[in-house]
C-alpha atoms as a PDB file:
ATOM      1  CA  MET A   1      -0.007  -0.003   0.003  1.00  0.00           C
ATOM      2  CA  ALA A   2       2.920   2.352   0.665  1.00  0.00           C
ATOM      3  CA  TRP A   3       4.014   2.227  -2.982  1.00  0.00           C
ATOM      4  CA  LEU A   4       0.539   3.042  -4.252  1.00  0.00           C
ATOM      5  CA  TYR A   5       0.337   5.958  -1.819  1.00  0.00           C
ATOM      6  CA  ALA A   6       3.725   7.272  -2.987  1.00  0.00           C
ATOM      7  CA  GLU A   7       2.553   7.001  -6.590  1.00  0.00           C
ATOM      8  CA  TYR A   8      -0.679   8.810  -5.733  1.00  0.00           C
ATOM      9  CA  ILE A   9       1.217  11.683  -4.066  1.00  0.00           C
ATOM     10  CA  ALA A  10       3.577  11.974  -7.037  1.00  0.00           C
ATOM     11  CA  ASP A  11       0.671  11.957  -9.467  1.00  0.00           C
ATOM     12  CA  GLU A  12      -1.151  14.678  -7.561  1.00  0.00           C
ATOM     13  CA  LEU A  13       1.972  16.851  -7.329  1.00  0.00           C
ATOM     14  CA  LEU A  14       2.582  16.617 -11.087  1.00  0.00           C
ATOM     15  CA  ARG A  15      -1.051  17.172 -12.023  1.00  0.00           C
ATOM     16  CA  THR A  16      -1.289  20.194  -9.706  1.00  0.00           C
ATOM     17  CA  GLY A  17       1.839  21.649 -11.290  1.00  0.00           C
ATOM     18  CA  ASN A  18       0.294  21.195 -14.754  1.00  0.00           C
ATOM     19  CA  LEU A  19       3.767  20.977 -16.264  1.00  0.00           C
ATOM     20  CA  ILE A  20       3.168  18.387 -18.941  1.00  0.00           C
ATOM     21  CA  PRO A  21       0.204  16.423 -20.364  1.00  0.00           C
ATOM     22  CA  SER A  22      -0.587  13.431 -18.185  1.00  0.00           C
ATOM     23  CA  GLY A  23      -0.683  10.898 -21.016  1.00  0.00           C
ATOM     24  CA  THR A  24       2.960  11.331 -22.039  1.00  0.00           C
ATOM     25  CA  LEU A  25       6.036   9.258 -21.271  1.00  0.00           C
ATOM     26  CA  GLU A  26       7.609  12.415 -19.857  1.00  0.00           C
ATOM     27  CA  PHE A  27       4.788  12.662 -17.316  1.00  0.00           C
ATOM     28  CA  ARG A  28       5.203   8.992 -16.459  1.00  0.00           C
ATOM     29  CA  SER A  29       8.941   9.439 -15.950  1.00  0.00           C
ATOM     30  CA  GLY A  30       8.282  12.387 -13.624  1.00  0.00           C
ATOM     31  CA  ARG A  31       5.621  10.521 -11.692  1.00  0.00           C
ATOM     32  CA  GLN A  32       7.685   7.366 -11.296  1.00  0.00           C
ATOM     33  CA  THR A  33      10.843   9.268 -10.337  1.00  0.00           C
ATOM     34  CA  LEU A  34       8.953  11.272  -7.758  1.00  0.00           C
ATOM     35  CA  ALA A  35       7.103   8.204  -6.456  1.00  0.00           C
ATOM     36  CA  LEU A  36      10.403   6.350  -6.031  1.00  0.00           C
ATOM     37  CA  THR A  37      11.839   9.339  -4.161  1.00  0.00           C
ATOM     38  CA  ILE A  38       8.801   9.509  -1.867  1.00  0.00           C
ATOM     39  CA  TYR A  39       8.758   5.758  -1.238  1.00  0.00           C
ATOM     40  CA  LEU A  40      12.505   5.378  -0.562  1.00  0.00           C
ATOM     41  CA  SER A  41      12.664   8.456   1.664  1.00  0.00           C
ATOM     42  CA  ASP A  42      10.164   6.818   3.993  1.00  0.00           C
ATOM     43  CA  SER A  43      12.704   4.929   6.101  1.00  0.00           C
ATOM     44  CA  ALA A  44      10.387   4.736   9.138  1.00  0.00           C
ATOM     45  CA  GLY A  45       7.617   2.978   7.225  1.00  0.00           C
ATOM     46  CA  GLU A  46       5.016   5.593   8.056  1.00  0.00           C
ATOM     47  CA  LEU A  47       4.224   6.827   4.539  1.00  0.00           C
ATOM     48  CA  SER A  48       0.504   6.335   4.678  1.00  0.00           C
ATOM     49  CA  GLY A  49       0.230   8.404   7.855  1.00  0.00           C
ATOM     50  CA  ILE A  50       2.430  11.365   6.886  1.00  0.00           C
ATOM     51  CA  ARG A  51       1.373  14.823   6.014  1.00  0.00           C
ATOM     52  CA  VAL A  52       2.704  15.723   2.592  1.00  0.00           C
ATOM     53  CA  ILE A  53       3.553  19.308   3.568  1.00  0.00           C
ATOM     54  CA  SER A  54       5.956  18.123   6.261  1.00  0.00           C
ATOM     55  CA  ARG A  55       8.029  16.170   3.732  1.00  0.00           C
ATOM     56  CA  LEU A  56       8.269  18.648   0.850  1.00  0.00           C
ATOM     57  CA  ASP A  57      11.629  20.087   1.911  1.00  0.00           C
ATOM     58  CA  GLU A  58      13.169  16.624   2.110  1.00  0.00           C
ATOM     59  CA  TRP A  59      11.843  15.708  -1.334  1.00  0.00           C
ATOM     60  CA  LEU A  60      13.090  19.008  -2.753  1.00  0.00           C
ATOM     61  CA  SER A  61      16.613  18.340  -1.500  1.00  0.00           C
ATOM     62  CA  LEU A  62      16.581  14.766  -2.830  1.00  0.00           C
ATOM     63  CA  THR A  63      15.477  15.894  -6.308  1.00  0.00           C
ATOM     64  CA  ALA A  64      17.657  19.019  -6.461  1.00  0.00           C
ATOM     65  CA  TYR A  65      20.032  19.556  -9.347  1.00  0.00           C
ATOM     66  CA  GLY A  66      23.442  18.131  -8.482  1.00  0.00           C
ATOM     67  CA  HIS A  67      22.160  15.706  -5.844  1.00  0.00           C
ATOM     68  CA  PRO A  68      23.435  12.196  -6.668  1.00  0.00           C
ATOM     69  CA  TRP A  69      19.888  10.848  -6.913  1.00  0.00           C
ATOM     70  CA  GLN A  70      20.779   7.689  -8.842  1.00  0.00           C
ATOM     71  CA  ASP A  71      23.407   6.747  -6.260  1.00  0.00           C
ATOM     72  CA  TRP A  72      20.998   7.556  -3.437  1.00  0.00           C
ATOM     73  CA  VAL A  73      18.364   5.183  -4.926  1.00  0.00           C
ATOM     74  CA  ARG A  74      20.899   2.361  -5.186  1.00  0.00           C
ATOM     75  CA  GLU A  75      22.076   2.971  -1.596  1.00  0.00           C
ATOM     76  CA  ARG A  76      18.502   2.966  -0.287  1.00  0.00           C
ATOM     77  CA  PHE A  77      17.733  -0.333  -2.025  1.00  0.00           C
ATOM     78  CA  ALA A  78      20.970  -1.786  -0.586  1.00  0.00           C
ATOM     79  CA  CYS A  79      20.048  -0.579   2.909  1.00  0.00           C
ATOM     80  CA  ILE A  80      16.560  -2.068   2.606  1.00  0.00           C
ATOM     81  CA  ASP A  81      18.059  -5.381   1.471  1.00  0.00           C
ATOM     82  CA  GLU A  82      20.470  -5.364   4.365  1.00  0.00           C
ATOM     83  CA  GLU A  83      17.759  -4.513   6.919  1.00  0.00           C
ATOM     84  CA  ARG A  84      15.258  -7.041   5.664  1.00  0.00           C
ATOM     85  CA  GLY A  85      17.602  -9.821   4.573  1.00  0.00           C
ATOM     86  CA  THR A  86      15.954 -12.561   2.550  1.00  0.00           C
ATOM     87  CA  GLU A  87      12.404 -11.415   3.317  1.00  0.00           C
ATOM     88  CA  SER A  88      12.741  -8.354   1.029  1.00  0.00           C
ATOM     89  CA  GLY A  89      11.540 -10.383  -1.960  1.00  0.00           C
ATOM     90  CA  THR A  90       8.129 -10.878  -0.360  1.00  0.00           C
ATOM     91  CA  ASP A  91       7.205  -7.190  -0.003  1.00  0.00           C
ATOM     92  CA  PRO A  92       4.883  -6.186  -2.879  1.00  0.00           C
ATOM     93  CA  ASP A  93       5.582  -2.474  -2.341  1.00  0.00           C
ATOM     94  CA  LEU A  94       9.297  -3.059  -2.637  1.00  0.00           C
ATOM     95  CA  GLU A  95       8.831  -5.181  -5.737  1.00  0.00           C
ATOM     96  CA  LEU A  96       6.821  -2.390  -7.389  1.00  0.00           C
ATOM     97  CA  ALA A  97       9.545   0.109  -6.449  1.00  0.00           C
ATOM     98  CA  ARG A  98      12.220  -2.158  -7.946  1.00  0.00           C
ATOM     99  CA  ALA A  99      10.218  -2.607 -11.145  1.00  0.00           C
ATOM    100  CA  THR A 100       9.878   1.175 -11.374  1.00  0.00           C
ATOM    101  CA  TRP A 101      13.613   1.635 -10.883  1.00  0.00           C
ATOM    102  CA  TRP A 102      14.273  -0.956 -13.596  1.00  0.00           C
ATOM    103  CA  TRP A 103      11.959   0.959 -15.976  1.00  0.00           C
ATOM    104  CA  LEU A 104      13.472   4.354 -15.111  1.00  0.00           C
ATOM    105  CA  GLU A 105      17.014   3.143 -15.716  1.00  0.00           C
ATOM    106  CA  ARG A 106      16.368   1.267 -18.927  1.00  0.00           C
ATOM    107  CA  THR A 107      13.847   3.487 -20.689  1.00  0.00           C
ATOM    108  CA  GLU A 108      15.351   6.323 -22.662  1.00  0.00           C
ATOM    109  CA  LEU A 109      13.498   9.356 -23.935  1.00  0.00           C
ATOM    110  CA  LEU A 110      14.515  11.836 -26.589  1.00  0.00           C
ATOM    111  CA  ALA A 111      14.813  15.208 -24.891  1.00  0.00           C
ATOM    112  CA  THR A 112      16.429  18.598 -25.397  1.00  0.00           C
ATOM    113  CA  ASP A 113      20.079  18.536 -24.373  1.00  0.00           C
ATOM    114  CA  LEU A 114      20.179  20.940 -21.447  1.00  0.00           C
ATOM    115  CA  ASP A 115      23.774  20.062 -20.564  1.00  0.00           C
ATOM    116  CA  THR A 116      25.105  22.060 -23.524  1.00  0.00           C
ATOM    117  CA  ALA A 117      23.578  25.263 -22.137  1.00  0.00           C
ATOM    118  CA  ASN A 118      25.723  27.035 -19.553  1.00  0.00           C
ATOM    119  CA  PRO A 119      23.569  29.983 -18.526  1.00  0.00           C
ATOM    120  CA  TRP A 120      26.145  31.250 -16.052  1.00  0.00           C
ATOM    121  CA  HIS A 121      28.668  31.633 -18.889  1.00  0.00           C
ATOM    122  CA  GLN A 122      26.340  33.039 -21.538  1.00  0.00           C
ATOM    123  CA  THR A 123      24.496  36.287 -21.982  1.00  0.00           C
ATOM    124  CA  ASP A 124      21.943  34.636 -24.292  1.00  0.00           C
ATOM    125  CA  LEU A 125      19.934  32.156 -22.194  1.00  0.00           C
ATOM    126  CA  THR A 126      18.149  30.469 -25.088  1.00  0.00           C
ATOM    127  CA  VAL A 127      18.323  26.711 -25.454  1.00  0.00           C
ATOM    128  CA  ASP A 128      18.534  25.057 -28.860  1.00  0.00           C
ATOM    129  CA  GLU A 129      15.578  22.661 -28.638  1.00  0.00           C
ATOM    130  CA  SER A 130      16.600  20.959 -31.879  1.00  0.00           C
ATOM    131  CA  ASN A 131      19.705  19.640 -30.130  1.00  0.00           C
ATOM    132  CA  GLN A 132      18.303  16.457 -28.585  1.00  0.00           C
ATOM    133  CA  VAL A 133      19.820  13.444 -26.872  1.00  0.00           C
ATOM    134  CA  TRP A 134      18.545  10.111 -25.575  1.00  0.00           C
ATOM    135  CA  THR A 135      18.400  10.249 -21.813  1.00  0.00           C
ATOM    136  CA  PRO A 136      17.317   7.763 -19.133  1.00  0.00           C
ATOM    137  CA  ALA A 137      13.749   8.394 -18.024  1.00  0.00           C
ATOM    138  CA  TRP A 138      14.822   9.244 -14.461  1.00  0.00           C
ATOM    139  CA  GLN A 139      17.074  12.064 -15.717  1.00  0.00           C
ATOM    140  CA  LEU A 140      14.079  13.688 -17.351  1.00  0.00           C
ATOM    141  CA  GLY A 141      11.713  12.856 -14.507  1.00  0.00           C
ATOM    142  CA  LEU A 142      13.924  14.269 -11.768  1.00  0.00           C
ATOM    143  CA  PRO A 143      13.676  17.970 -12.741  1.00  0.00           C
ATOM    144  CA  LEU A 144       9.966  17.562 -13.524  1.00  0.00           C
ATOM    145  CA  GLY A 145       9.373  16.138 -10.044  1.00  0.00           C
ATOM    146  CA  HIS A 146      11.490  18.839  -8.432  1.00  0.00           C
ATOM    147  CA  LEU A 147       9.626  21.612 -10.232  1.00  0.00           C
ATOM    148  CA  ALA A 148       6.248  20.031  -9.367  1.00  0.00           C
ATOM    149  CA  ILE A 149       7.173  20.082  -5.675  1.00  0.00           C
ATOM    150  CA  HIS A 150       8.180  23.753  -5.961  1.00  0.00           C
ATOM    151  CA  LEU A 151       4.865  24.621  -7.582  1.00  0.00           C
ATOM    152  CA  PHE A 152       2.846  22.829  -4.903  1.00  0.00           C
END
């Protein structure tokens, strides 16, 4: 149930932000990235009882630009495995989170290459949207999730 609640929160945050149409792969990548962040940040196992407002700052810091989010996800899964031992395979929430992580890592989306733009070194802040690269879904979903939290 914790995974479904995390996914619900992520979906509501993205829909409230109205950043991108809900039927797109970009929306899905944002929702799944944010849901994984919400689920894995709940180390006390109290997700269904939390108040969303009290956790926004934590989620903002986890999704912030420059935060090693991918490493953090791997570390959280390793910690969960270590804490639970062999029983971790029987938790349906954890299995859904792992399946989501698998999808986010292996699915690539064609997106504008924002790494070529260095706004702090340029006077012209335009981005060439025709310059596109294939990027893992989580790399596109992370800034979408972060912005959705800001807009909430």
